[in-house]
Amino acid sequence: AVVSTQSTGPERVPCRLTPNISNAFGPAGVDGTFRMACEGILGVLRSNREVVLALLDAFLYDPLIEWTSANDEGVFGDVVKDGTVSRKELEINSLYSLLSCRIVELNVPLRGNRHSFTASISGLTKSLRHFSESLSRLLPHENSTNSVLARQRLLQELKHDSEHVLWAQQECVEAQAAH
């Protein structure tokens, strides 16, 4: 026996895929033109999801649209009528569900990129280790280069300044060598 329950609210899925509807799609059934059309539509919706969500958000916050009629028998009238959920709570719940959908949308690409991300991190770690080793090998050379550059600057000063202290030192050494 088939038991039928009568719901007080509208169906969440307005169309059921019954065998009669599947047969109406032809010999390919659901896997033919219907599937290709659905995949195409889903692709367009996904690529333009920000536009679609912006349009749907406008309906959610539109003050002209009443979610319930004057006698509380609108779309969500059965929920609001029994007093368990206020209209504000209903809006908050719908926003939470929208947020959870967006989190799920973002989570799928992150899971798909997890392997490449970890490979990139390990490659970056190896590169940083190699860079650190190269720096530690170059540090002694850098110190000797700085020492040579300091001597070169001193010689440049001596070349242009005939009254530098070292010229006087040279004259003292030459005078001592002459005696």
N, C-alpha and C. Protein backbone atom coordinates (compact mmCIF):
# COMPACT_ATOMS: atom_id res chain seq x y z
N ALA A 1 0.85 -1.17 0.00
CA ALA A 1 0.00 0.00 0.00
C ALA A 1 0.89 1.23 0.00
N VAL A 2 0.47 2.19 -0.75
CA VAL A 2 1.21 3.44 -0.84
C VAL A 2 0.59 4.42 0.12
N VAL A 3 1.42 4.97 1.00
CA VAL A 3 0.93 5.93 1.97
C VAL A 3 1.27 7.31 1.47
N SER A 4 0.32 8.16 1.39
CA SER A 4 0.53 9.53 0.92
C SER A 4 0.34 10.48 2.09
N THR A 5 1.30 11.34 2.28
CA THR A 5 1.16 12.35 3.33
C THR A 5 0.97 13.69 2.66
N GLN A 6 0.08 14.46 3.16
CA GLN A 6 -0.21 15.77 2.62
C GLN A 6 0.61 16.80 3.39
N SER A 7 1.45 17.53 2.70
CA SER A 7 2.28 18.55 3.33
C SER A 7 1.51 19.87 3.36
N THR A 8 1.74 20.63 4.43
CA THR A 8 1.07 21.94 4.52
C THR A 8 1.79 22.99 3.70
N GLY A 9 3.08 22.77 3.38
CA GLY A 9 3.85 23.75 2.61
C GLY A 9 4.08 23.27 1.20
N PRO A 10 4.69 24.10 0.41
CA PRO A 10 4.97 23.71 -0.97
C PRO A 10 6.07 22.66 -1.03
N GLU A 11 6.13 21.92 -2.13
CA GLU A 11 7.18 20.93 -2.30
C GLU A 11 8.51 21.64 -2.49
N ARG A 12 9.55 21.07 -1.93
CA ARG A 12 10.87 21.68 -2.12
C ARG A 12 11.37 21.44 -3.54
N VAL A 13 11.03 20.30 -4.13
CA VAL A 13 11.38 20.01 -5.52
C VAL A 13 10.08 20.07 -6.32
N PRO A 14 9.92 21.09 -7.14
CA PRO A 14 8.63 21.25 -7.83
C PRO A 14 8.39 20.21 -8.92
N CYS A 15 9.40 19.48 -9.36
CA CYS A 15 9.22 18.50 -10.43
C CYS A 15 9.93 17.22 -10.04
N ARG A 16 9.23 16.10 -10.13
CA ARG A 16 9.84 14.81 -9.81
C ARG A 16 10.16 14.09 -11.10
N LEU A 17 11.30 13.41 -11.12
CA LEU A 17 11.71 12.68 -12.31
C LEU A 17 11.10 11.28 -12.24
N THR A 18 9.88 11.20 -12.70
CA THR A 18 9.16 9.93 -12.70
C THR A 18 9.52 9.15 -13.96
N PRO A 19 9.21 7.86 -13.99
CA PRO A 19 9.49 7.08 -15.21
C PRO A 19 8.78 7.65 -16.44
N ASN A 20 7.60 8.22 -16.26
CA ASN A 20 6.89 8.82 -17.41
C ASN A 20 7.68 9.99 -17.99
N ILE A 21 8.24 10.81 -17.13
CA ILE A 21 9.03 11.95 -17.61
C ILE A 21 10.32 11.46 -18.25
N SER A 22 10.97 10.45 -17.66
CA SER A 22 12.19 9.88 -18.25
C SER A 22 11.91 9.32 -19.63
N ASN A 23 10.79 8.65 -19.79
CA ASN A 23 10.42 8.09 -21.10
C ASN A 23 10.14 9.20 -22.11
N ALA A 24 9.69 10.34 -21.65
CA ALA A 24 9.40 11.45 -22.56
C ALA A 24 10.68 12.03 -23.16
N PHE A 25 11.84 11.79 -22.53
CA PHE A 25 13.11 12.31 -23.06
C PHE A 25 13.62 11.50 -24.24
N GLY A 26 12.98 10.39 -24.56
CA GLY A 26 13.37 9.59 -25.72
C GLY A 26 14.20 8.40 -25.32
N PRO A 27 14.79 7.73 -26.31
CA PRO A 27 15.54 6.50 -26.03
C PRO A 27 16.77 6.72 -25.14
N ALA A 28 17.39 7.89 -25.21
CA ALA A 28 18.58 8.16 -24.38
C ALA A 28 18.19 8.44 -22.95
N GLY A 29 16.93 8.76 -22.73
CA GLY A 29 16.46 9.05 -21.38
C GLY A 29 17.11 10.30 -20.82
N VAL A 30 17.50 10.21 -19.59
CA VAL A 30 18.06 11.37 -18.90
C VAL A 30 19.49 11.66 -19.38
N ASP A 31 20.17 10.66 -19.94
CA ASP A 31 21.57 10.81 -20.32
C ASP A 31 21.76 11.42 -21.71
N GLY A 32 20.73 11.82 -22.37
CA GLY A 32 20.86 12.39 -23.71
C GLY A 32 20.92 13.90 -23.72
N THR A 33 20.00 14.46 -24.49
CA THR A 33 19.96 15.91 -24.66
C THR A 33 19.65 16.63 -23.35
N PHE A 34 18.82 16.00 -22.53
CA PHE A 34 18.46 16.61 -21.24
C PHE A 34 19.70 16.82 -20.38
N ARG A 35 20.55 15.80 -20.30
CA ARG A 35 21.76 15.90 -19.49
C ARG A 35 22.70 16.98 -20.03
N MET A 36 22.89 17.01 -21.35
CA MET A 36 23.77 18.02 -21.95
C MET A 36 23.24 19.42 -21.69
N ALA A 37 21.92 19.58 -21.81
CA ALA A 37 21.34 20.89 -21.56
C ALA A 37 21.51 21.29 -20.09
N CYS A 38 21.28 20.35 -19.18
CA CYS A 38 21.45 20.65 -17.75
C CYS A 38 22.90 20.99 -17.42
N GLU A 39 23.85 20.25 -18.00
CA GLU A 39 25.27 20.53 -17.74
C GLU A 39 25.65 21.91 -18.29
N GLY A 40 25.11 22.24 -19.48
CA GLY A 40 25.39 23.57 -20.04
C GLY A 40 24.83 24.68 -19.17
N ILE A 41 23.61 24.48 -18.71
CA ILE A 41 22.97 25.50 -17.84
C ILE A 41 23.73 25.64 -16.53
N LEU A 42 24.12 24.50 -15.93
CA LEU A 42 24.89 24.56 -14.69
C LEU A 42 26.23 25.24 -14.90
N GLY A 43 26.86 25.01 -16.04
CA GLY A 43 28.13 25.68 -16.33
C GLY A 43 27.97 27.18 -16.42
N VAL A 44 26.90 27.63 -17.09
CA VAL A 44 26.65 29.06 -17.20
C VAL A 44 26.32 29.66 -15.84
N LEU A 45 25.51 28.94 -15.05
CA LEU A 45 25.17 29.43 -13.71
C LEU A 45 26.41 29.52 -12.82
N ARG A 46 27.29 28.52 -12.90
CA ARG A 46 28.50 28.55 -12.07
C ARG A 46 29.44 29.66 -12.50
N SER A 47 29.57 29.88 -13.80
CA SER A 47 30.49 30.93 -14.25
C SER A 47 29.94 32.32 -13.95
N ASN A 48 28.64 32.44 -13.80
CA ASN A 48 28.03 33.74 -13.50
C ASN A 48 27.34 33.72 -12.15
N ARG A 49 27.88 32.96 -11.20
CA ARG A 49 27.19 32.78 -9.92
C ARG A 49 27.06 34.08 -9.14
N GLU A 50 28.04 34.99 -9.27
CA GLU A 50 27.95 36.24 -8.52
C GLU A 50 26.75 37.06 -9.00
N VAL A 51 26.50 37.05 -10.30
CA VAL A 51 25.35 37.79 -10.84
C VAL A 51 24.05 37.17 -10.36
N VAL A 52 23.99 35.83 -10.42
CA VAL A 52 22.76 35.13 -10.00
C VAL A 52 22.50 35.37 -8.51
N LEU A 53 23.56 35.26 -7.69
CA LEU A 53 23.39 35.47 -6.25
C LEU A 53 23.01 36.91 -5.94
N ALA A 54 23.54 37.86 -6.68
CA ALA A 54 23.18 39.26 -6.46
C ALA A 54 21.70 39.47 -6.77
N LEU A 55 21.23 38.85 -7.84
CA LEU A 55 19.80 38.97 -8.17
C LEU A 55 18.93 38.29 -7.13
N LEU A 56 19.35 37.14 -6.65
CA LEU A 56 18.55 36.45 -5.64
C LEU A 56 18.59 37.18 -4.30
N ASP A 57 19.73 37.81 -3.97
CA ASP A 57 19.81 38.61 -2.74
C ASP A 57 18.83 39.78 -2.80
N ALA A 58 18.65 40.34 -3.99
CA ALA A 58 17.70 41.44 -4.12
C ALA A 58 16.29 40.97 -3.76
N PHE A 59 15.93 39.76 -4.16
CA PHE A 59 14.62 39.23 -3.79
C PHE A 59 14.52 38.96 -2.30
N LEU A 60 15.59 38.53 -1.69
CA LEU A 60 15.58 38.22 -0.27
C LEU A 60 15.34 39.47 0.56
N TYR A 61 15.94 40.57 0.18
CA TYR A 61 15.84 41.80 0.97
C TYR A 61 14.82 42.80 0.44
N ASP A 62 14.07 42.43 -0.59
CA ASP A 62 13.09 43.35 -1.17
C ASP A 62 11.94 43.56 -0.20
N PRO A 63 11.71 44.80 0.26
CA PRO A 63 10.63 45.03 1.22
C PRO A 63 9.23 44.87 0.61
N LEU A 64 9.14 44.89 -0.71
CA LEU A 64 7.83 44.76 -1.35
C LEU A 64 7.34 43.32 -1.39
N ILE A 65 8.27 42.38 -1.27
CA ILE A 65 7.88 40.98 -1.30
C ILE A 65 7.60 40.54 0.13
N GLU A 66 6.41 40.06 0.36
CA GLU A 66 6.04 39.55 1.68
C GLU A 66 6.20 38.05 1.66
N TRP A 67 6.94 37.53 2.59
CA TRP A 67 7.11 36.10 2.67
C TRP A 67 5.86 35.42 3.21
N THR A 68 5.07 36.17 3.92
CA THR A 68 3.80 35.64 4.40
C THR A 68 2.71 36.64 4.07
N SER A 69 1.51 36.13 3.84
CA SER A 69 0.40 37.04 3.54
C SER A 69 -0.18 37.58 4.84
N ALA A 70 -1.23 38.33 4.72
CA ALA A 70 -1.83 38.96 5.90
C ALA A 70 -2.31 37.91 6.90
N ASN A 71 -2.77 36.76 6.42
CA ASN A 71 -3.24 35.73 7.35
C ASN A 71 -2.16 34.67 7.62
N ASP A 72 -0.90 35.02 7.37
CA ASP A 72 0.25 34.15 7.63
C ASP A 72 0.17 32.82 6.90
N GLU A 73 -0.29 32.83 5.65
CA GLU A 73 -0.31 31.61 4.87
C GLU A 73 0.43 31.83 3.56
N GLY A 74 1.61 32.34 3.64
CA GLY A 74 2.42 32.57 2.45
C GLY A 74 3.40 31.43 2.26
N VAL A 75 4.54 31.74 1.65
CA VAL A 75 5.53 30.72 1.36
C VAL A 75 6.04 30.07 2.63
N PHE A 76 6.34 30.88 3.65
CA PHE A 76 6.83 30.35 4.91
C PHE A 76 5.79 30.55 6.01
N GLY A 77 4.53 30.65 5.63
CA GLY A 77 3.48 30.91 6.60
C GLY A 77 3.32 29.82 7.63
N ASP A 78 3.48 28.56 7.21
CA ASP A 78 3.32 27.47 8.17
C ASP A 78 4.42 27.48 9.22
N VAL A 79 5.61 27.99 8.88
CA VAL A 79 6.69 28.06 9.85
C VAL A 79 6.49 29.22 10.80
N VAL A 80 6.07 30.37 10.25
CA VAL A 80 5.91 31.56 11.07
C VAL A 80 4.64 31.47 11.91
N LYS A 81 3.60 30.80 11.39
CA LYS A 81 2.31 30.77 12.06
C LYS A 81 2.38 30.08 13.42
N ASP A 82 3.12 28.96 13.49
CA ASP A 82 3.13 28.25 14.77
C ASP A 82 4.01 28.93 15.81
N GLY A 83 4.73 29.99 15.44
CA GLY A 83 5.48 30.80 16.39
C GLY A 83 6.83 30.23 16.76
N THR A 84 7.26 29.17 16.11
CA THR A 84 8.56 28.59 16.46
C THR A 84 9.71 29.40 15.88
N VAL A 85 9.48 30.06 14.74
CA VAL A 85 10.55 30.80 14.07
C VAL A 85 10.01 32.18 13.69
N SER A 86 10.77 33.21 14.03
CA SER A 86 10.36 34.55 13.61
C SER A 86 10.86 34.81 12.19
N ARG A 87 10.37 35.87 11.61
CA ARG A 87 10.75 36.22 10.25
C ARG A 87 12.25 36.53 10.18
N LYS A 88 12.78 37.21 11.19
CA LYS A 88 14.20 37.55 11.22
C LYS A 88 15.05 36.27 11.32
N GLU A 89 14.63 35.33 12.16
CA GLU A 89 15.35 34.07 12.28
C GLU A 89 15.33 33.30 10.96
N LEU A 90 14.22 33.39 10.26
CA LEU A 90 14.09 32.74 8.97
C LEU A 90 15.08 33.32 7.98
N GLU A 91 15.23 34.65 7.96
CA GLU A 91 16.20 35.30 7.07
C GLU A 91 17.62 34.92 7.46
N ILE A 92 17.90 34.87 8.76
CA ILE A 92 19.25 34.51 9.22
C ILE A 92 19.57 33.08 8.81
N ASN A 93 18.59 32.18 8.97
CA ASN A 93 18.81 30.79 8.57
C ASN A 93 19.07 30.67 7.08
N SER A 94 18.36 31.46 6.28
CA SER A 94 18.59 31.40 4.84
C SER A 94 19.97 31.95 4.49
N LEU A 95 20.42 32.99 5.21
CA LEU A 95 21.77 33.52 4.97
C LEU A 95 22.84 32.51 5.37
N TYR A 96 22.62 31.80 6.49
CA TYR A 96 23.56 30.76 6.90
C TYR A 96 23.64 29.65 5.86
N SER A 97 22.49 29.26 5.31
CA SER A 97 22.51 28.21 4.30
C SER A 97 23.22 28.69 3.04
N LEU A 98 23.04 29.96 2.67
CA LEU A 98 23.74 30.52 1.52
C LEU A 98 25.25 30.52 1.77
N LEU A 99 25.65 30.90 2.98
CA LEU A 99 27.06 30.91 3.34
C LEU A 99 27.64 29.50 3.31
N SER A 100 26.89 28.53 3.82
CA SER A 100 27.40 27.16 3.82
C SER A 100 27.54 26.64 2.39
N CYS A 101 26.64 27.04 1.50
CA CYS A 101 26.76 26.64 0.09
C CYS A 101 28.03 27.22 -0.51
N ARG A 102 28.31 28.48 -0.22
CA ARG A 102 29.52 29.10 -0.76
C ARG A 102 30.78 28.47 -0.19
N ILE A 103 30.75 28.08 1.08
CA ILE A 103 31.91 27.41 1.68
C ILE A 103 32.14 26.07 0.99
N VAL A 104 31.07 25.34 0.72
CA VAL A 104 31.20 24.06 0.03
C VAL A 104 31.74 24.28 -1.37
N GLU A 105 31.29 25.33 -2.07
CA GLU A 105 31.79 25.63 -3.40
C GLU A 105 33.29 25.90 -3.37
N LEU A 106 33.75 26.63 -2.36
CA LEU A 106 35.18 26.95 -2.28
C LEU A 106 36.00 25.76 -1.81
N ASN A 107 35.42 24.89 -1.02
CA ASN A 107 36.15 23.76 -0.46
C ASN A 107 36.52 22.74 -1.53
N VAL A 108 35.68 22.57 -2.54
CA VAL A 108 35.95 21.59 -3.59
C VAL A 108 37.23 21.93 -4.35
N PRO A 109 37.42 23.19 -4.83
CA PRO A 109 38.69 23.49 -5.50
C PRO A 109 39.89 23.38 -4.56
N LEU A 110 39.71 23.70 -3.28
CA LEU A 110 40.82 23.60 -2.35
C LEU A 110 41.24 22.15 -2.17
N ARG A 111 40.28 21.24 -2.10
CA ARG A 111 40.62 19.82 -1.98
C ARG A 111 41.34 19.33 -3.23
N GLY A 112 40.89 19.81 -4.38
CA GLY A 112 41.52 19.40 -5.64
C GLY A 112 42.94 19.91 -5.76
N ASN A 113 43.24 21.03 -5.15
CA ASN A 113 44.57 21.61 -5.24
C ASN A 113 45.46 21.25 -4.06
N ARG A 114 44.97 20.43 -3.15
CA ARG A 114 45.75 20.11 -1.95
C ARG A 114 47.08 19.46 -2.31
N HIS A 115 47.07 18.51 -3.25
CA HIS A 115 48.30 17.81 -3.61
C HIS A 115 49.31 18.78 -4.24
N SER A 116 48.86 19.58 -5.17
CA SER A 116 49.79 20.53 -5.80
C SER A 116 50.26 21.58 -4.80
N PHE A 117 49.39 21.94 -3.85
CA PHE A 117 49.79 22.92 -2.83
C PHE A 117 50.88 22.35 -1.93
N THR A 118 50.71 21.10 -1.48
CA THR A 118 51.74 20.50 -0.62
C THR A 118 53.03 20.28 -1.39
N ALA A 119 52.93 19.92 -2.67
CA ALA A 119 54.14 19.77 -3.48
C ALA A 119 54.85 21.12 -3.64
N SER A 120 54.07 22.18 -3.82
CA SER A 120 54.67 23.51 -3.94
C SER A 120 55.35 23.92 -2.64
N ILE A 121 54.72 23.62 -1.52
CA ILE A 121 55.30 23.98 -0.22
C ILE A 121 56.60 23.21 -0.01
N SER A 122 56.62 21.92 -0.33
CA SER A 122 57.86 21.15 -0.14
C SER A 122 58.94 21.64 -1.09
N GLY A 123 58.58 22.00 -2.31
CA GLY A 123 59.56 22.58 -3.24
C GLY A 123 60.08 23.91 -2.75
N LEU A 124 59.20 24.71 -2.19
CA LEU A 124 59.61 26.01 -1.64
C LEU A 124 60.54 25.81 -0.45
N THR A 125 60.26 24.83 0.38
CA THR A 125 61.12 24.53 1.53
C THR A 125 62.51 24.12 1.07
N LYS A 126 62.58 23.27 0.04
CA LYS A 126 63.88 22.85 -0.50
C LYS A 126 64.63 24.05 -1.07
N SER A 127 63.93 24.90 -1.77
CA SER A 127 64.57 26.10 -2.36
C SER A 127 65.10 27.02 -1.26
N LEU A 128 64.33 27.20 -0.21
CA LEU A 128 64.78 28.05 0.89
C LEU A 128 66.00 27.45 1.59
N ARG A 129 66.01 26.13 1.77
CA ARG A 129 67.18 25.47 2.37
C ARG A 129 68.42 25.68 1.50
N HIS A 130 68.26 25.50 0.20
CA HIS A 130 69.37 25.69 -0.73
C HIS A 130 69.85 27.15 -0.70
N PHE A 131 68.92 28.08 -0.66
CA PHE A 131 69.27 29.50 -0.59
C PHE A 131 70.03 29.80 0.70
N SER A 132 69.58 29.23 1.81
CA SER A 132 70.25 29.44 3.10
C SER A 132 71.67 28.88 3.07
N GLU A 133 71.83 27.70 2.49
CA GLU A 133 73.17 27.10 2.38
C GLU A 133 74.07 27.97 1.51
N SER A 134 73.53 28.49 0.41
CA SER A 134 74.31 29.35 -0.47
C SER A 134 74.74 30.61 0.25
N LEU A 135 73.83 31.19 1.04
CA LEU A 135 74.18 32.39 1.80
C LEU A 135 75.27 32.10 2.81
N SER A 136 75.19 30.95 3.48
CA SER A 136 76.21 30.63 4.48
C SER A 136 77.57 30.40 3.81
N ARG A 137 77.59 29.88 2.57
CA ARG A 137 78.87 29.72 1.86
C ARG A 137 79.40 31.06 1.37
N LEU A 138 78.51 32.00 1.06
CA LEU A 138 78.94 33.30 0.56
C LEU A 138 79.35 34.27 1.65
N LEU A 139 78.95 34.02 2.88
CA LEU A 139 79.23 34.95 3.98
C LEU A 139 80.72 35.21 4.17
N PRO A 140 81.60 34.20 4.19
CA PRO A 140 83.04 34.51 4.31
C PRO A 140 83.56 35.34 3.14
N HIS A 141 83.08 35.06 1.94
CA HIS A 141 83.51 35.82 0.77
C HIS A 141 83.01 37.26 0.85
N GLU A 142 81.82 37.42 1.38
CA GLU A 142 81.28 38.78 1.54
C GLU A 142 82.12 39.57 2.53
N ASN A 143 82.55 38.94 3.62
CA ASN A 143 83.39 39.63 4.61
C ASN A 143 84.72 40.04 3.99
N SER A 144 85.35 39.14 3.22
CA SER A 144 86.63 39.50 2.59
C SER A 144 86.43 40.58 1.52
N THR A 145 85.30 40.52 0.80
CA THR A 145 85.00 41.55 -0.19
C THR A 145 84.82 42.90 0.49
N ASN A 146 84.13 42.93 1.61
CA ASN A 146 83.95 44.19 2.35
C ASN A 146 85.29 44.73 2.82
N SER A 147 86.19 43.85 3.25
CA SER A 147 87.51 44.27 3.70
C SER A 147 88.30 44.87 2.54
N VAL A 148 88.26 44.24 1.37
CA VAL A 148 88.95 44.76 0.19
C VAL A 148 88.36 46.11 -0.22
N LEU A 149 87.02 46.23 -0.19
CA LEU A 149 86.38 47.50 -0.55
C LEU A 149 86.77 48.62 0.42
N ALA A 150 86.89 48.29 1.71
CA ALA A 150 87.30 49.30 2.69
C ALA A 150 88.73 49.76 2.40
N ARG A 151 89.62 48.85 2.06
CA ARG A 151 91.00 49.23 1.72
C ARG A 151 91.03 50.08 0.46
N GLN A 152 90.17 49.72 -0.51
CA GLN A 152 90.12 50.49 -1.75
C GLN A 152 89.65 51.92 -1.49
N ARG A 153 88.65 52.08 -0.63
CA ARG A 153 88.18 53.44 -0.29
C ARG A 153 89.29 54.23 0.40
N LEU A 154 90.05 53.57 1.27
CA LEU A 154 91.16 54.23 1.96
C LEU A 154 92.22 54.70 0.96
N LEU A 155 92.52 53.85 -0.02
CA LEU A 155 93.49 54.24 -1.04
C LEU A 155 92.98 55.40 -1.88
N GLN A 156 91.70 55.41 -2.17
CA GLN A 156 91.11 56.52 -2.92
C GLN A 156 91.25 57.82 -2.13
N GLU A 157 91.01 57.74 -0.81
CA GLU A 157 91.18 58.93 0.03
C GLU A 157 92.63 59.40 0.01
N LEU A 158 93.56 58.47 0.12
CA LEU A 158 94.97 58.82 0.11
C LEU A 158 95.39 59.46 -1.21
N LYS A 159 94.83 58.96 -2.29
CA LYS A 159 95.18 59.48 -3.61
C LYS A 159 94.76 60.93 -3.76
N HIS A 160 93.61 61.31 -3.19
CA HIS A 160 93.07 62.66 -3.37
C HIS A 160 93.44 63.60 -2.22
N ASP A 161 93.92 63.09 -1.12
CA ASP A 161 94.21 63.94 0.05
C ASP A 161 95.69 63.80 0.40
N SER A 162 96.46 64.76 -0.05
CA SER A 162 97.92 64.69 0.18
C SER A 162 98.28 64.97 1.64
N GLU A 163 97.37 65.49 2.43
CA GLU A 163 97.65 65.77 3.84
C GLU A 163 97.04 64.73 4.78
N HIS A 164 96.73 63.57 4.25
CA HIS A 164 96.16 62.49 5.04
C HIS A 164 97.19 62.02 6.06
N VAL A 165 96.74 61.48 7.17
CA VAL A 165 97.59 61.03 8.27
C VAL A 165 98.60 59.97 7.80
N LEU A 166 98.18 59.11 6.90
CA LEU A 166 99.07 58.05 6.44
C LEU A 166 100.25 58.58 5.63
N TRP A 167 100.07 59.72 4.93
CA TRP A 167 101.20 60.33 4.21
C TRP A 167 102.25 60.79 5.22
N ALA A 168 101.76 61.32 6.32
CA ALA A 168 102.70 61.74 7.36
C ALA A 168 103.41 60.52 7.94
N GLN A 169 102.70 59.39 8.09
CA GLN A 169 103.32 58.16 8.59
C GLN A 169 104.42 57.70 7.63
N GLN A 170 104.13 57.79 6.32
CA GLN A 170 105.12 57.37 5.32
C GLN A 170 106.38 58.23 5.41
N GLU A 171 106.19 59.52 5.61
CA GLU A 171 107.34 60.42 5.72
C GLU A 171 108.17 60.08 6.95
N CYS A 172 107.53 59.73 8.06
CA CYS A 172 108.24 59.32 9.28
C CYS A 172 109.05 58.05 9.03
N VAL A 173 108.45 57.07 8.34
CA VAL A 173 109.13 55.80 8.06
C VAL A 173 110.33 56.03 7.16
N GLU A 174 110.14 56.90 6.13
CA GLU A 174 111.25 57.20 5.25
C GLU A 174 112.37 57.93 5.97
N ALA A 175 112.03 58.83 6.90
CA ALA A 175 113.03 59.56 7.67
C ALA A 175 113.81 58.63 8.59
N GLN A 176 113.12 57.66 9.20
CA GLN A 176 113.79 56.70 10.08
C GLN A 176 114.70 55.77 9.28
N ALA A 177 114.29 55.44 8.08
CA ALA A 177 115.09 54.54 7.24
C ALA A 177 116.36 55.25 6.77
N ALA A 178 116.28 56.60 6.60
CA ALA A 178 117.44 57.36 6.16
C ALA A 178 118.48 57.47 7.27
N HIS A 179 118.16 57.47 8.48
CA HIS A 179 119.12 57.62 9.60
C HIS A 179 119.83 56.37 9.85
